[in-house]
């Protein structure tokens, strides 16, 4: 029997949809016959990075991805995001931890949408993603709350293939390249790069690394 190695990844997430997506992605990868390695995702939800790192039994340099939203430029939303970046920076000083930013601007729904379509339209509110999601996934959810319900969101995930994940990575990279060529970027502590205006995404960087190390990126 061909016993594959298992690559370990750590994710800190905000919500249930992010956690369900990552657990679904882990299973999708581990069921792929052409993979050269398995993956094991350790996922923590609704916790400060510093608190989690203090209790993680890490051996050597470890990467942890913070999956988070940049929900807009209102003072409260912006300060919440900056506080999270500060928490990441502080966590990276405690142990041999490399805290990576996997964010979506405005929201994680942008990342889900990119699995099916190109999308570069700036939006004012998170609720405006609902129409785009319904169109892309051929659904008719009345509200984002209903879209996020476990049964409904699992139905969305069932429509996503590994090829869709690769397309999402490519589409997100195009958005980031366009933003870098046309808009000033924000840089926190000389490491964490983000853009104040949407759409933008950096979660593709972590997902691309996962697929690449499993031999599934360029198929």
N, C-alpha and C. Protein backbone atom coordinates (compact mmCIF):
# COMPACT_ATOMS: atom_id res chain seq x y z
N UNK A 1 0.84 -1.20 0.00
CA UNK A 1 0.00 0.00 0.00
C UNK A 1 0.88 1.25 0.00
N UNK A 2 0.50 2.24 -0.81
CA UNK A 2 1.23 3.50 -0.89
C UNK A 2 0.79 4.41 0.25
N UNK A 3 1.61 4.55 1.27
CA UNK A 3 1.27 5.37 2.42
C UNK A 3 1.79 6.79 2.19
N UNK A 4 0.89 7.72 2.01
CA UNK A 4 1.25 9.10 1.72
C UNK A 4 1.55 9.85 3.01
N UNK A 5 2.46 10.81 2.91
CA UNK A 5 2.72 11.69 4.03
C UNK A 5 1.52 12.61 4.23
N UNK A 6 1.42 13.20 5.42
CA UNK A 6 0.32 14.11 5.71
C UNK A 6 0.88 15.49 6.05
N UNK A 7 0.49 16.48 5.29
CA UNK A 7 0.93 17.84 5.52
C UNK A 7 -0.01 18.52 6.52
N UNK A 8 0.56 19.11 7.56
CA UNK A 8 -0.25 19.73 8.62
C UNK A 8 -0.38 21.24 8.38
N UNK A 9 -1.62 21.74 8.51
CA UNK A 9 -1.88 23.18 8.34
C UNK A 9 -2.75 23.67 9.48
N UNK A 10 -2.54 24.94 9.85
CA UNK A 10 -3.29 25.56 10.93
C UNK A 10 -4.04 26.78 10.41
N UNK A 11 -5.32 26.86 10.75
CA UNK A 11 -6.16 27.98 10.34
C UNK A 11 -6.93 28.52 11.53
N UNK A 12 -6.93 29.83 11.67
CA UNK A 12 -7.77 30.50 12.65
C UNK A 12 -8.85 31.26 11.88
N UNK A 13 -10.12 30.95 12.15
CA UNK A 13 -11.21 31.49 11.33
C UNK A 13 -12.19 32.26 12.20
N UNK A 14 -13.01 33.07 11.52
CA UNK A 14 -14.01 33.88 12.21
C UNK A 14 -15.35 33.16 12.35
N UNK A 15 -15.78 32.48 11.28
CA UNK A 15 -17.15 31.98 11.25
C UNK A 15 -17.27 30.52 10.87
N UNK A 16 -18.51 30.04 10.93
CA UNK A 16 -18.78 28.64 10.63
C UNK A 16 -18.58 28.32 9.15
N UNK A 17 -18.91 29.24 8.26
CA UNK A 17 -18.75 28.98 6.82
C UNK A 17 -17.29 28.76 6.47
N UNK A 18 -16.40 29.57 7.05
CA UNK A 18 -14.98 29.41 6.78
C UNK A 18 -14.49 28.04 7.26
N UNK A 19 -14.95 27.65 8.44
CA UNK A 19 -14.55 26.34 8.97
C UNK A 19 -15.10 25.21 8.11
N UNK A 20 -16.35 25.30 7.70
CA UNK A 20 -16.95 24.25 6.87
C UNK A 20 -16.25 24.16 5.52
N UNK A 21 -15.91 25.31 4.96
CA UNK A 21 -15.20 25.30 3.68
C UNK A 21 -13.87 24.57 3.81
N UNK A 22 -13.11 24.89 4.83
CA UNK A 22 -11.79 24.28 4.98
C UNK A 22 -11.89 22.78 5.25
N UNK A 23 -12.86 22.36 6.04
CA UNK A 23 -13.03 20.92 6.29
C UNK A 23 -13.47 20.20 5.02
N UNK A 24 -14.30 20.87 4.24
CA UNK A 24 -14.71 20.30 2.94
C UNK A 24 -13.49 20.20 2.02
N UNK A 25 -12.65 21.25 1.98
CA UNK A 25 -11.46 21.25 1.12
C UNK A 25 -10.50 20.15 1.54
N UNK A 26 -10.31 19.97 2.83
CA UNK A 26 -9.46 18.90 3.32
C UNK A 26 -9.94 17.54 2.80
N UNK A 27 -11.23 17.29 2.90
CA UNK A 27 -11.79 16.01 2.43
C UNK A 27 -11.67 15.87 0.92
N UNK A 28 -11.90 16.98 0.20
CA UNK A 28 -11.82 16.94 -1.26
C UNK A 28 -10.40 16.57 -1.70
N UNK A 29 -9.41 17.17 -1.06
CA UNK A 29 -8.01 16.88 -1.40
C UNK A 29 -7.67 15.43 -1.08
N UNK A 30 -8.07 14.98 0.08
CA UNK A 30 -7.70 13.64 0.53
C UNK A 30 -8.42 12.53 -0.24
N UNK A 31 -9.44 12.90 -1.02
CA UNK A 31 -10.13 11.93 -1.86
C UNK A 31 -9.62 11.96 -3.30
N UNK A 32 -8.71 12.88 -3.59
CA UNK A 32 -8.21 13.04 -4.96
C UNK A 32 -7.13 11.99 -5.24
N UNK A 33 -7.36 11.12 -6.22
CA UNK A 33 -6.39 10.04 -6.50
C UNK A 33 -5.00 10.52 -6.89
N UNK A 34 -4.91 11.69 -7.51
CA UNK A 34 -3.62 12.17 -8.01
C UNK A 34 -2.79 12.92 -6.97
N UNK A 35 -3.26 13.04 -5.76
CA UNK A 35 -2.51 13.79 -4.75
C UNK A 35 -1.22 13.04 -4.40
N UNK A 36 -0.19 13.77 -4.06
CA UNK A 36 1.06 13.14 -3.64
C UNK A 36 1.21 13.17 -2.12
N UNK A 37 0.29 13.84 -1.45
CA UNK A 37 0.28 13.88 0.01
C UNK A 37 -1.12 14.14 0.50
N UNK A 38 -1.41 13.69 1.70
CA UNK A 38 -2.66 14.03 2.36
C UNK A 38 -2.50 15.36 3.08
N UNK A 39 -3.62 15.93 3.52
CA UNK A 39 -3.57 17.15 4.32
C UNK A 39 -4.36 16.94 5.61
N UNK A 40 -3.91 17.61 6.64
CA UNK A 40 -4.61 17.61 7.92
C UNK A 40 -4.73 19.06 8.38
N UNK A 41 -5.96 19.55 8.47
CA UNK A 41 -6.21 20.93 8.86
C UNK A 41 -6.60 20.99 10.33
N UNK A 42 -5.87 21.75 11.11
CA UNK A 42 -6.28 22.09 12.47
C UNK A 42 -6.92 23.47 12.41
N UNK A 43 -8.19 23.54 12.78
CA UNK A 43 -8.96 24.77 12.61
C UNK A 43 -9.51 25.22 13.96
N UNK A 44 -9.28 26.47 14.28
CA UNK A 44 -9.82 27.06 15.50
C UNK A 44 -10.69 28.25 15.12
N UNK A 45 -11.81 28.39 15.82
CA UNK A 45 -12.75 29.47 15.47
C UNK A 45 -12.98 30.38 16.68
N UNK A 46 -13.10 31.68 16.37
CA UNK A 46 -13.44 32.68 17.39
C UNK A 46 -12.47 32.68 18.57
N UNK A 47 -11.20 32.88 18.26
CA UNK A 47 -10.19 32.94 19.30
C UNK A 47 -9.09 33.90 18.88
N UNK A 48 -8.48 34.55 19.83
CA UNK A 48 -7.35 35.42 19.54
C UNK A 48 -6.13 34.56 19.15
N UNK A 49 -5.36 35.06 18.19
CA UNK A 49 -4.19 34.33 17.74
C UNK A 49 -3.19 34.12 18.89
N UNK A 50 -2.96 35.15 19.68
CA UNK A 50 -2.02 35.04 20.79
C UNK A 50 -2.43 33.93 21.75
N UNK A 51 -3.71 33.89 22.08
CA UNK A 51 -4.20 32.88 23.02
C UNK A 51 -4.03 31.48 22.46
N UNK A 52 -4.32 31.31 21.18
CA UNK A 52 -4.21 29.98 20.57
C UNK A 52 -2.76 29.52 20.50
N UNK A 53 -1.89 30.42 20.07
CA UNK A 53 -0.48 30.06 19.91
C UNK A 53 0.13 29.64 21.24
N UNK A 54 -0.26 30.30 22.32
CA UNK A 54 0.29 29.98 23.64
C UNK A 54 -0.01 28.55 24.04
N UNK A 55 -1.12 28.01 23.53
CA UNK A 55 -1.54 26.67 23.95
C UNK A 55 -1.26 25.59 22.90
N UNK A 56 -0.77 25.99 21.74
CA UNK A 56 -0.47 25.00 20.71
C UNK A 56 0.88 24.33 20.97
N UNK A 57 0.94 23.00 20.94
CA UNK A 57 2.22 22.29 21.11
C UNK A 57 2.97 22.23 19.78
N UNK A 58 3.60 23.34 19.41
CA UNK A 58 4.24 23.43 18.11
C UNK A 58 5.70 22.98 18.19
N UNK A 59 6.14 22.32 17.13
CA UNK A 59 7.52 21.87 17.02
C UNK A 59 8.17 22.56 15.82
N UNK A 60 9.05 23.48 16.08
CA UNK A 60 9.72 24.18 14.98
C UNK A 60 8.84 25.25 14.37
N UNK A 61 9.31 25.83 13.29
CA UNK A 61 8.61 26.92 12.62
C UNK A 61 7.28 26.43 12.07
N UNK A 62 6.20 27.12 12.42
CA UNK A 62 4.86 26.71 12.03
C UNK A 62 4.10 27.90 11.45
N UNK A 63 3.42 27.67 10.34
CA UNK A 63 2.60 28.71 9.71
C UNK A 63 1.15 28.58 10.17
N UNK A 64 0.56 29.69 10.57
CA UNK A 64 -0.86 29.73 10.91
C UNK A 64 -1.50 30.80 10.06
N UNK A 65 -2.61 30.45 9.39
CA UNK A 65 -3.31 31.38 8.51
C UNK A 65 -4.52 31.94 9.22
N UNK A 66 -4.59 33.26 9.28
CA UNK A 66 -5.76 33.94 9.84
C UNK A 66 -6.74 34.21 8.70
N UNK A 67 -7.89 33.55 8.74
CA UNK A 67 -8.93 33.73 7.73
C UNK A 67 -9.92 34.74 8.28
N UNK A 68 -9.98 35.91 7.66
CA UNK A 68 -10.70 37.02 8.26
C UNK A 68 -11.27 37.92 7.16
N UNK A 69 -12.25 38.74 7.51
CA UNK A 69 -12.83 39.70 6.59
C UNK A 69 -12.32 41.11 6.89
N UNK A 70 -12.21 41.92 5.84
CA UNK A 70 -12.05 43.37 6.01
C UNK A 70 -13.40 43.95 5.61
N UNK A 71 -14.19 44.32 6.61
CA UNK A 71 -15.60 44.59 6.36
C UNK A 71 -15.91 46.03 5.99
N UNK A 72 -14.89 46.83 5.73
CA UNK A 72 -15.14 48.19 5.28
C UNK A 72 -14.30 49.21 6.02
N UNK A 73 -14.46 50.47 5.63
CA UNK A 73 -13.61 51.53 6.15
C UNK A 73 -14.28 52.39 7.21
N UNK A 74 -15.43 51.94 7.72
CA UNK A 74 -16.00 52.62 8.87
C UNK A 74 -15.03 52.46 10.05
N UNK A 75 -14.92 53.47 10.90
CA UNK A 75 -13.91 53.43 11.97
C UNK A 75 -13.92 52.15 12.80
N UNK A 76 -15.10 51.67 13.19
CA UNK A 76 -15.16 50.47 14.02
C UNK A 76 -14.68 49.23 13.28
N UNK A 77 -15.11 49.10 12.01
CA UNK A 77 -14.71 47.94 11.21
C UNK A 77 -13.20 47.95 10.97
N UNK A 78 -12.68 49.10 10.65
CA UNK A 78 -11.25 49.21 10.36
C UNK A 78 -10.43 48.93 11.62
N UNK A 79 -10.88 49.44 12.76
CA UNK A 79 -10.13 49.22 13.99
C UNK A 79 -10.15 47.76 14.40
N UNK A 80 -11.27 47.08 14.17
CA UNK A 80 -11.35 45.65 14.46
C UNK A 80 -10.32 44.88 13.64
N UNK A 81 -10.19 45.23 12.38
CA UNK A 81 -9.22 44.57 11.50
C UNK A 81 -7.80 44.86 11.96
N UNK A 82 -7.51 46.11 12.29
CA UNK A 82 -6.16 46.47 12.73
C UNK A 82 -5.81 45.80 14.06
N UNK A 83 -6.78 45.66 14.94
CA UNK A 83 -6.55 44.94 16.21
C UNK A 83 -6.18 43.49 15.94
N UNK A 84 -6.82 42.90 14.94
CA UNK A 84 -6.52 41.52 14.58
C UNK A 84 -5.10 41.41 14.04
N UNK A 85 -4.67 42.36 13.21
CA UNK A 85 -3.30 42.35 12.70
C UNK A 85 -2.30 42.51 13.84
N UNK A 86 -2.63 43.35 14.81
CA UNK A 86 -1.77 43.52 15.98
C UNK A 86 -1.65 42.21 16.75
N UNK A 87 -2.76 41.50 16.90
CA UNK A 87 -2.76 40.21 17.58
C UNK A 87 -1.89 39.20 16.84
N UNK A 88 -1.98 39.19 15.50
CA UNK A 88 -1.14 38.30 14.70
C UNK A 88 0.33 38.61 14.90
N UNK A 89 0.66 39.89 14.87
CA UNK A 89 2.06 40.30 15.03
C UNK A 89 2.59 39.88 16.40
N UNK A 90 1.80 40.08 17.43
CA UNK A 90 2.23 39.70 18.77
C UNK A 90 2.41 38.20 18.89
N UNK A 91 1.52 37.43 18.25
CA UNK A 91 1.61 35.97 18.30
C UNK A 91 2.90 35.48 17.65
N UNK A 92 3.32 36.17 16.59
CA UNK A 92 4.53 35.75 15.87
C UNK A 92 5.79 35.98 16.68
N UNK A 93 5.67 36.75 17.77
CA UNK A 93 6.83 37.00 18.63
C UNK A 93 6.93 35.99 19.77
N UNK A 94 5.89 35.20 19.99
CA UNK A 94 5.86 34.30 21.15
C UNK A 94 6.64 33.03 20.89
N UNK A 95 6.35 32.37 19.78
CA UNK A 95 7.02 31.13 19.43
C UNK A 95 7.49 31.23 17.98
N UNK A 96 7.97 30.13 17.46
CA UNK A 96 8.39 30.12 16.06
C UNK A 96 7.16 29.99 15.16
N UNK A 97 6.38 31.05 15.12
CA UNK A 97 5.13 31.04 14.38
C UNK A 97 5.17 32.08 13.27
N UNK A 98 4.77 31.66 12.09
CA UNK A 98 4.65 32.55 10.93
C UNK A 98 3.16 32.77 10.69
N UNK A 99 2.64 33.90 11.15
CA UNK A 99 1.21 34.20 11.02
C UNK A 99 0.95 34.83 9.66
N UNK A 100 0.14 34.16 8.85
CA UNK A 100 -0.18 34.62 7.50
C UNK A 100 -1.60 35.18 7.44
N UNK A 101 -1.77 36.25 6.66
CA UNK A 101 -3.07 36.88 6.50
C UNK A 101 -3.80 36.29 5.30
N UNK A 102 -4.93 35.64 5.55
CA UNK A 102 -5.77 35.12 4.47
C UNK A 102 -7.10 35.83 4.51
N UNK A 103 -7.14 37.05 4.00
CA UNK A 103 -8.34 37.87 4.18
C UNK A 103 -9.15 38.03 2.90
N UNK A 104 -10.41 38.42 3.10
CA UNK A 104 -11.30 38.75 1.98
C UNK A 104 -11.89 40.14 2.24
N UNK A 105 -11.96 40.94 1.21
CA UNK A 105 -12.51 42.28 1.30
C UNK A 105 -13.64 42.41 0.27
N UNK A 106 -14.90 42.46 0.67
CA UNK A 106 -15.41 42.73 2.01
C UNK A 106 -15.56 41.50 2.90
N UNK A 107 -15.80 40.36 2.29
CA UNK A 107 -16.23 39.22 3.08
C UNK A 107 -15.85 37.90 2.42
N UNK A 108 -15.90 36.82 3.19
CA UNK A 108 -15.56 35.49 2.72
C UNK A 108 -16.41 35.08 1.52
N UNK A 109 -17.59 35.67 1.37
CA UNK A 109 -18.45 35.36 0.23
C UNK A 109 -17.75 35.70 -1.10
N UNK A 110 -16.85 36.68 -1.09
CA UNK A 110 -16.09 36.98 -2.30
C UNK A 110 -15.27 35.76 -2.71
N UNK A 111 -14.60 35.11 -1.76
CA UNK A 111 -13.78 33.94 -2.07
C UNK A 111 -14.65 32.81 -2.64
N UNK A 112 -15.81 32.58 -2.05
CA UNK A 112 -16.72 31.55 -2.55
C UNK A 112 -17.19 31.89 -3.95
N UNK A 113 -17.49 33.14 -4.20
CA UNK A 113 -17.96 33.57 -5.51
C UNK A 113 -16.90 33.34 -6.58
N UNK A 114 -15.64 33.55 -6.25
CA UNK A 114 -14.56 33.43 -7.23
C UNK A 114 -14.35 31.99 -7.71
N UNK A 115 -14.93 31.03 -7.04
CA UNK A 115 -14.84 29.65 -7.52
C UNK A 115 -15.62 29.45 -8.82
N UNK A 116 -16.56 30.35 -9.09
CA UNK A 116 -17.43 30.18 -10.25
C UNK A 116 -17.32 31.30 -11.29
N UNK A 117 -16.99 32.51 -10.86
CA UNK A 117 -17.01 33.63 -11.79
C UNK A 117 -15.90 34.63 -11.48
N UNK A 118 -15.53 35.39 -12.49
CA UNK A 118 -14.71 36.58 -12.28
C UNK A 118 -15.58 37.63 -11.60
N UNK A 119 -15.03 38.34 -10.63
CA UNK A 119 -15.83 39.39 -9.98
C UNK A 119 -14.91 40.50 -9.50
N UNK A 120 -15.06 41.67 -10.09
CA UNK A 120 -14.19 42.79 -9.74
C UNK A 120 -14.98 44.05 -9.43
N UNK A 121 -16.27 43.92 -9.14
CA UNK A 121 -17.13 45.07 -8.89
C UNK A 121 -17.07 45.48 -7.43
N UNK A 122 -16.72 46.72 -7.13
CA UNK A 122 -16.75 47.18 -5.74
C UNK A 122 -18.18 47.18 -5.20
N UNK A 123 -18.35 46.75 -3.96
CA UNK A 123 -19.67 46.71 -3.33
C UNK A 123 -19.65 47.56 -2.06
N UNK A 124 -20.84 47.97 -1.65
CA UNK A 124 -20.96 48.82 -0.46
C UNK A 124 -21.30 48.03 0.80
N UNK A 125 -22.03 46.92 0.63
CA UNK A 125 -22.43 46.12 1.79
C UNK A 125 -22.26 44.64 1.49
N UNK A 126 -22.11 43.85 2.54
CA UNK A 126 -21.96 42.40 2.39
C UNK A 126 -23.19 41.77 1.75
N UNK A 127 -24.37 42.33 2.04
CA UNK A 127 -25.60 41.74 1.53
C UNK A 127 -25.67 41.76 0.00
N UNK A 128 -24.89 42.64 -0.62
CA UNK A 128 -24.90 42.73 -2.09
C UNK A 128 -24.27 41.50 -2.75
N UNK A 129 -23.56 40.70 -1.99
CA UNK A 129 -23.00 39.46 -2.55
C UNK A 129 -24.07 38.41 -2.80
N UNK A 130 -25.21 38.53 -2.13
CA UNK A 130 -26.24 37.49 -2.24
C UNK A 130 -26.71 37.30 -3.68
N UNK A 131 -27.00 38.37 -4.37
CA UNK A 131 -27.46 38.26 -5.75
C UNK A 131 -26.42 37.59 -6.63
N UNK A 132 -25.16 37.94 -6.41
CA UNK A 132 -24.09 37.35 -7.21
C UNK A 132 -23.93 35.85 -6.91
N UNK A 133 -24.03 35.48 -5.64
CA UNK A 133 -23.92 34.08 -5.25
C UNK A 133 -25.08 33.25 -5.82
N UNK A 134 -26.28 33.79 -5.73
CA UNK A 134 -27.44 33.08 -6.28
C UNK A 134 -27.28 32.83 -7.77
N UNK A 135 -26.78 33.82 -8.48
CA UNK A 135 -26.60 33.68 -9.92
C UNK A 135 -25.50 32.68 -10.24
N UNK A 136 -24.40 32.76 -9.53
CA UNK A 136 -23.24 31.90 -9.82
C UNK A 136 -23.52 30.44 -9.49
N UNK A 137 -24.30 30.20 -8.43
CA UNK A 137 -24.54 28.82 -7.97
C UNK A 137 -25.95 28.33 -8.28
N UNK A 138 -26.69 29.13 -9.04
CA UNK A 138 -28.05 28.75 -9.46
C UNK A 138 -28.92 28.45 -8.25
N UNK A 139 -28.88 29.36 -7.27
CA UNK A 139 -29.68 29.24 -6.05
C UNK A 139 -30.66 30.40 -5.97
N UNK A 140 -31.51 30.34 -4.96
CA UNK A 140 -32.46 31.44 -4.74
C UNK A 140 -32.63 31.75 -3.26
N UNK A 141 -31.50 31.85 -2.55
CA UNK A 141 -31.54 32.20 -1.13
C UNK A 141 -32.11 33.61 -0.96
N UNK A 142 -33.02 33.76 0.00
CA UNK A 142 -33.62 35.08 0.22
C UNK A 142 -32.70 36.02 0.97
N UNK A 143 -31.84 35.47 1.82
CA UNK A 143 -30.93 36.30 2.63
C UNK A 143 -29.59 35.60 2.76
N UNK A 144 -28.57 36.36 3.14
CA UNK A 144 -27.26 35.77 3.41
C UNK A 144 -27.33 34.83 4.61
N UNK A 145 -28.19 35.12 5.55
CA UNK A 145 -28.34 34.25 6.71
C UNK A 145 -28.79 32.85 6.28
N UNK A 146 -29.73 32.80 5.32
CA UNK A 146 -30.19 31.50 4.84
C UNK A 146 -29.10 30.80 4.03
N UNK A 147 -28.38 31.57 3.25
CA UNK A 147 -27.25 31.01 2.49
C UNK A 147 -26.24 30.35 3.43
N UNK A 148 -26.03 30.95 4.60
CA UNK A 148 -25.02 30.46 5.54
C UNK A 148 -25.49 29.31 6.40
N UNK A 149 -26.78 29.00 6.40
CA UNK A 149 -27.26 27.87 7.17
C UNK A 149 -26.55 26.59 6.72
N UNK A 150 -26.25 25.73 7.66
CA UNK A 150 -25.38 24.58 7.37
C UNK A 150 -25.82 23.77 6.16
N UNK A 151 -27.07 23.39 6.11
CA UNK A 151 -27.55 22.57 4.99
C UNK A 151 -27.41 23.30 3.67
N UNK A 152 -27.75 24.57 3.65
CA UNK A 152 -27.67 25.35 2.41
C UNK A 152 -26.23 25.56 1.97
N UNK A 153 -25.37 25.89 2.92
CA UNK A 153 -23.97 26.13 2.56
C UNK A 153 -23.30 24.84 2.11
N UNK A 154 -23.63 23.73 2.75
CA UNK A 154 -23.08 22.45 2.30
C UNK A 154 -23.52 22.16 0.87
N UNK A 155 -24.73 22.57 0.51
CA UNK A 155 -25.18 22.40 -0.87
C UNK A 155 -24.36 23.21 -1.85
N UNK A 156 -23.94 24.40 -1.43
CA UNK A 156 -23.05 25.22 -2.25
C UNK A 156 -21.71 24.54 -2.43
N UNK A 157 -21.16 24.01 -1.34
CA UNK A 157 -19.86 23.35 -1.41
C UNK A 157 -19.88 22.13 -2.33
N UNK A 158 -21.00 21.44 -2.38
CA UNK A 158 -21.10 20.25 -3.24
C UNK A 158 -20.99 20.60 -4.71
N UNK A 159 -21.21 21.87 -5.04
CA UNK A 159 -21.10 22.32 -6.43
C UNK A 159 -19.68 22.76 -6.80
N UNK A 160 -18.75 22.68 -5.85
CA UNK A 160 -17.39 23.14 -6.09
C UNK A 160 -16.45 21.95 -6.28
N UNK A 161 -15.64 22.01 -7.32
CA UNK A 161 -14.65 20.99 -7.61
C UNK A 161 -13.25 21.53 -7.34
N UNK A 162 -12.26 20.65 -7.37
CA UNK A 162 -10.88 21.11 -7.21
C UNK A 162 -10.48 22.05 -8.34
N UNK A 163 -11.00 21.80 -9.52
CA UNK A 163 -10.72 22.72 -10.63
C UNK A 163 -11.31 24.10 -10.34
N UNK A 164 -12.47 24.15 -9.69
CA UNK A 164 -13.05 25.44 -9.29
C UNK A 164 -12.15 26.14 -8.28
N UNK A 165 -11.54 25.38 -7.37
CA UNK A 165 -10.63 25.98 -6.39
C UNK A 165 -9.43 26.59 -7.11
N UNK A 166 -8.89 25.88 -8.08
CA UNK A 166 -7.77 26.42 -8.85
C UNK A 166 -8.18 27.69 -9.60
N UNK A 167 -9.40 27.71 -10.12
CA UNK A 167 -9.88 28.90 -10.83
C UNK A 167 -10.06 30.07 -9.86
N UNK A 168 -10.52 29.78 -8.65
CA UNK A 168 -10.66 30.83 -7.64
C UNK A 168 -9.30 31.45 -7.31
N UNK A 169 -8.29 30.61 -7.19
CA UNK A 169 -6.94 31.10 -6.93
C UNK A 169 -6.49 32.03 -8.06
N UNK A 170 -6.68 31.60 -9.30
CA UNK A 170 -6.27 32.40 -10.45
C UNK A 170 -7.02 33.72 -10.50
N UNK A 171 -8.31 33.69 -10.25
CA UNK A 171 -9.11 34.92 -10.30
C UNK A 171 -8.72 35.89 -9.19
N UNK A 172 -8.46 35.34 -8.00
CA UNK A 172 -8.03 36.19 -6.89
C UNK A 172 -6.66 36.80 -7.16
N UNK A 173 -5.78 36.04 -7.78
CA UNK A 173 -4.45 36.57 -8.12
C UNK A 173 -4.56 37.72 -9.12
N UNK A 174 -5.49 37.61 -10.06
CA UNK A 174 -5.69 38.69 -11.04
C UNK A 174 -6.21 39.95 -10.35
N UNK A 175 -7.10 39.78 -9.38
CA UNK A 175 -7.61 40.93 -8.63
C UNK A 175 -6.48 41.60 -7.87
N UNK A 176 -5.66 40.79 -7.21
CA UNK A 176 -4.54 41.35 -6.43
C UNK A 176 -3.55 42.06 -7.35
N UNK A 177 -3.24 41.48 -8.49
CA UNK A 177 -2.31 42.13 -9.43
C UNK A 177 -2.86 43.45 -9.91
N UNK A 178 -4.14 43.49 -10.24
CA UNK A 178 -4.77 44.74 -10.68
C UNK A 178 -4.69 45.80 -9.58
N UNK A 179 -4.99 45.41 -8.35
CA UNK A 179 -4.95 46.35 -7.24
C UNK A 179 -3.54 46.89 -7.01
N UNK A 180 -2.55 46.00 -7.11
CA UNK A 180 -1.18 46.44 -6.89
C UNK A 180 -0.71 47.41 -7.97
N UNK A 181 -1.26 47.27 -9.16
CA UNK A 181 -0.88 48.15 -10.27
C UNK A 181 -1.63 49.47 -10.27
N UNK A 182 -2.77 49.53 -9.54
CA UNK A 182 -3.63 50.70 -9.67
C UNK A 182 -3.98 51.41 -8.37
N UNK A 183 -3.74 50.78 -7.22
CA UNK A 183 -4.15 51.39 -5.96
C UNK A 183 -3.04 51.30 -4.92
N UNK A 184 -2.99 52.27 -4.00
CA UNK A 184 -2.00 52.20 -2.93
C UNK A 184 -2.37 51.10 -1.93
N UNK A 185 -1.40 50.35 -1.53
CA UNK A 185 -1.66 49.26 -0.59
C UNK A 185 -1.29 49.68 0.82
N UNK A 186 -1.96 49.06 1.77
CA UNK A 186 -1.65 49.27 3.17
C UNK A 186 -0.71 48.15 3.63
N UNK A 187 0.28 48.50 4.43
CA UNK A 187 1.23 47.50 4.95
C UNK A 187 1.35 47.68 6.45
N UNK A 188 1.05 46.61 7.19
CA UNK A 188 1.13 46.64 8.64
C UNK A 188 2.36 45.87 9.11
N UNK A 189 3.18 46.53 9.90
CA UNK A 189 4.40 45.93 10.46
C UNK A 189 5.30 45.33 9.36
N UNK A 190 5.33 45.99 8.22
CA UNK A 190 6.21 45.61 7.09
C UNK A 190 5.91 44.20 6.56
N UNK A 191 4.75 43.65 6.88
CA UNK A 191 4.47 42.28 6.46
C UNK A 191 3.07 42.09 5.91
N UNK A 192 2.07 42.55 6.63
CA UNK A 192 0.69 42.23 6.27
C UNK A 192 0.14 43.26 5.28
N UNK A 193 -0.11 42.80 4.07
CA UNK A 193 -0.53 43.67 2.98
C UNK A 193 -2.02 43.52 2.75
N UNK A 194 -2.71 44.65 2.62
CA UNK A 194 -4.14 44.63 2.32
C UNK A 194 -4.52 45.93 1.61
N UNK A 195 -5.69 45.92 1.03
CA UNK A 195 -6.22 47.10 0.35
C UNK A 195 -7.50 47.54 1.04
N UNK A 196 -7.66 48.85 1.21
CA UNK A 196 -8.82 49.37 1.94
C UNK A 196 -10.11 49.24 1.14
N UNK A 197 -10.00 49.20 -0.18
CA UNK A 197 -11.20 49.13 -1.01
C UNK A 197 -11.35 47.74 -1.61
N UNK A 198 -12.59 47.31 -1.75
CA UNK A 198 -12.87 45.98 -2.30
C UNK A 198 -13.13 46.06 -3.80
N UNK A 199 -12.99 44.91 -4.49
CA UNK A 199 -12.66 43.60 -3.96
C UNK A 199 -11.14 43.38 -3.85
N UNK A 200 -10.78 42.57 -2.88
CA UNK A 200 -9.41 42.11 -2.76
C UNK A 200 -9.42 40.83 -1.93
N UNK A 201 -8.36 40.05 -2.07
CA UNK A 201 -8.32 38.76 -1.39
C UNK A 201 -6.86 38.32 -1.27
N UNK A 202 -6.53 37.68 -0.15
CA UNK A 202 -5.20 37.07 -0.02
C UNK A 202 -5.28 35.61 0.42
N UNK A 203 -6.48 35.10 0.64
CA UNK A 203 -6.64 33.71 1.06
C UNK A 203 -6.08 32.75 0.01
N UNK A 204 -6.08 33.18 -1.25
CA UNK A 204 -5.59 32.31 -2.32
C UNK A 204 -4.13 31.91 -2.10
N UNK A 205 -3.36 32.73 -1.42
CA UNK A 205 -1.95 32.41 -1.21
C UNK A 205 -1.78 31.14 -0.38
N UNK A 206 -2.56 31.03 0.68
CA UNK A 206 -2.48 29.84 1.53
C UNK A 206 -3.05 28.61 0.84
N UNK A 207 -4.18 28.78 0.15
CA UNK A 207 -4.81 27.65 -0.53
C UNK A 207 -3.93 27.15 -1.67
N UNK A 208 -3.29 28.06 -2.37
CA UNK A 208 -2.39 27.67 -3.45
C UNK A 208 -1.22 26.86 -2.90
N UNK A 209 -0.68 27.26 -1.77
CA UNK A 209 0.43 26.52 -1.17
C UNK A 209 0.00 25.10 -0.81
N UNK A 210 -1.20 24.96 -0.26
CA UNK A 210 -1.71 23.63 0.10
C UNK A 210 -1.79 22.74 -1.13
N UNK A 211 -2.42 23.24 -2.20
CA UNK A 211 -2.57 22.44 -3.41
C UNK A 211 -1.23 22.13 -4.07
N UNK A 212 -0.33 23.09 -4.06
CA UNK A 212 0.97 22.89 -4.66
C UNK A 212 1.74 21.77 -3.98
N UNK A 213 1.73 21.76 -2.66
CA UNK A 213 2.48 20.74 -1.92
C UNK A 213 1.82 19.35 -2.03
N UNK A 214 0.57 19.33 -2.48
CA UNK A 214 -0.11 18.04 -2.72
C UNK A 214 -0.01 17.61 -4.17
N UNK A 215 0.67 18.42 -5.00
CA UNK A 215 0.81 18.10 -6.41
C UNK A 215 -0.46 18.30 -7.20
N UNK A 216 -1.35 19.18 -6.73
CA UNK A 216 -2.66 19.34 -7.36
C UNK A 216 -2.89 20.73 -7.96
N UNK A 217 -1.87 21.56 -8.00
CA UNK A 217 -2.09 22.93 -8.43
C UNK A 217 -2.15 23.10 -9.93
N UNK A 218 -1.32 22.41 -10.67
CA UNK A 218 -1.19 22.68 -12.11
C UNK A 218 -1.82 21.61 -12.98
N UNK A 219 -2.88 21.01 -12.51
CA UNK A 219 -3.52 19.95 -13.30
C UNK A 219 -4.60 20.53 -14.20
